[in-house]
Protein backbone atom coordinates (compact mmCIF):
# COMPACT_ATOMS: atom_id res chain seq x y z
CA MET A 1 3.40 -14.27 -18.71
CA PRO A 2 7.05 -13.51 -19.52
CA ARG A 3 9.61 -16.26 -19.34
CA TYR A 4 12.97 -15.99 -17.69
CA ARG A 5 16.31 -17.63 -18.46
CA TRP A 6 19.53 -18.24 -16.60
CA VAL A 7 22.52 -16.42 -18.08
CA LEU A 8 26.14 -17.12 -17.21
CA ILE A 9 28.30 -14.00 -17.52
CA ARG A 10 32.05 -14.54 -17.63
CA TYR A 11 34.27 -11.50 -17.03
CA SER A 12 37.76 -11.11 -18.50
CA ASP A 13 39.39 -11.60 -15.07
CA GLY A 14 37.78 -15.04 -14.75
CA ARG A 15 34.85 -14.22 -12.49
CA LYS A 16 31.54 -15.92 -13.30
CA VAL A 17 28.11 -14.58 -12.37
CA ARG A 18 24.84 -16.39 -12.91
CA VAL A 19 21.84 -14.08 -13.32
CA ILE A 20 18.20 -14.33 -14.34
CA VAL A 21 17.00 -12.26 -17.30
CA GLU A 22 13.69 -11.94 -19.08
CA GLU A 23 13.65 -13.92 -22.30
CA GLN A 24 14.09 -11.81 -25.45
CA GLU A 25 15.05 -12.39 -29.06
CA VAL A 26 18.11 -10.16 -28.78
CA TYR A 27 19.73 -9.43 -25.42
CA LEU A 28 20.88 -5.86 -26.07
CA ASP A 29 22.37 -5.30 -22.61
CA LEU A 30 24.51 -8.43 -22.90
CA VAL A 31 25.62 -7.47 -26.41
CA ARG A 32 26.65 -4.03 -25.10
CA LEU A 33 28.70 -5.66 -22.34
CA TRP A 34 30.36 -7.88 -24.93
CA ILE A 35 31.19 -4.96 -27.25
CA LEU A 36 32.37 -2.52 -24.57
CA TYR A 37 34.15 -4.79 -22.09
CA GLY A 38 34.69 -8.11 -23.84
CA VAL A 39 32.43 -9.93 -21.41
CA LYS A 40 31.39 -13.39 -22.59
CA TYR A 41 27.93 -14.72 -21.86
CA ARG A 42 26.02 -17.92 -22.33
CA ILE A 43 22.24 -18.15 -22.43
CA GLY A 44 21.12 -21.05 -20.28
CA PRO A 45 17.89 -22.95 -19.71
CA ARG A 46 14.56 -21.43 -18.76
CA CYS A 47 13.81 -20.92 -15.09
CA ASN A 48 11.31 -23.21 -13.44
CA LYS A 49 7.77 -22.12 -12.62
CA ASP A 50 8.52 -21.36 -8.95
CA ILE A 51 11.20 -18.79 -9.76
CA THR A 52 9.06 -17.24 -12.50
CA THR A 53 6.13 -16.87 -10.10
CA ALA A 54 8.35 -15.27 -7.45
CA LEU A 55 9.81 -12.79 -9.96
CA GLU A 56 6.33 -11.85 -11.15
CA ALA A 57 5.20 -11.27 -7.56
CA VAL A 58 8.14 -8.94 -6.96
CA GLY A 59 7.37 -7.04 -10.16
CA ARG A 60 3.77 -6.45 -9.09
CA GLN A 61 4.66 -4.91 -5.75
CA ARG A 62 3.80 -1.26 -5.36
CA ARG A 63 6.58 1.24 -5.02
CA ILE A 64 6.62 3.34 -1.91
CA VAL A 65 6.15 7.00 -2.68
CA GLY A 66 8.05 9.19 -0.26
CA ARG A 67 6.00 11.72 1.62
CA LYS A 68 7.35 15.15 2.33
CA ILE A 69 7.70 14.85 6.07
CA ALA A 70 9.38 17.70 7.88
CA ALA A 71 12.40 16.79 9.97
CA SER A 72 11.91 16.94 13.72
CA ARG A 73 14.77 19.42 13.93
CA PRO A 74 16.83 21.00 11.19
CA LEU A 75 20.16 19.43 10.37
CA SER A 76 23.27 21.37 11.20
CA PRO A 77 25.55 22.31 8.30
CA ASP A 78 28.18 19.83 9.51
CA PHE A 79 25.54 17.07 9.75
CA GLY A 80 25.99 16.50 13.46
CA ARG A 81 29.73 15.80 13.40
CA GLY A 82 30.59 18.65 15.72
CA SER A 83 32.07 22.04 15.01
CA GLY A 84 35.48 20.72 14.07
CA GLY A 85 37.15 23.05 16.53
CA PRO A 86 39.64 21.91 19.17
CA VAL A 87 38.21 20.07 22.14
């Protein structure tokens, strides 16, 4: 079961965002942000078991595959906004 960690991302304008990432040896996405934009980050503690279980449950959910359902009526070229002519 993968482990997750809290990461604090600090942008150059002073904003701080706390996100959850899967634990890795090298965080390539964070390194790219640091190189390209100068974003600073700090790897925090591991998430507790409740959060890890919830993230695993979300990851196991099936994706909905869209069915090719025909529209009830064809869309007009102006997408229903009217003809654009004077009223």
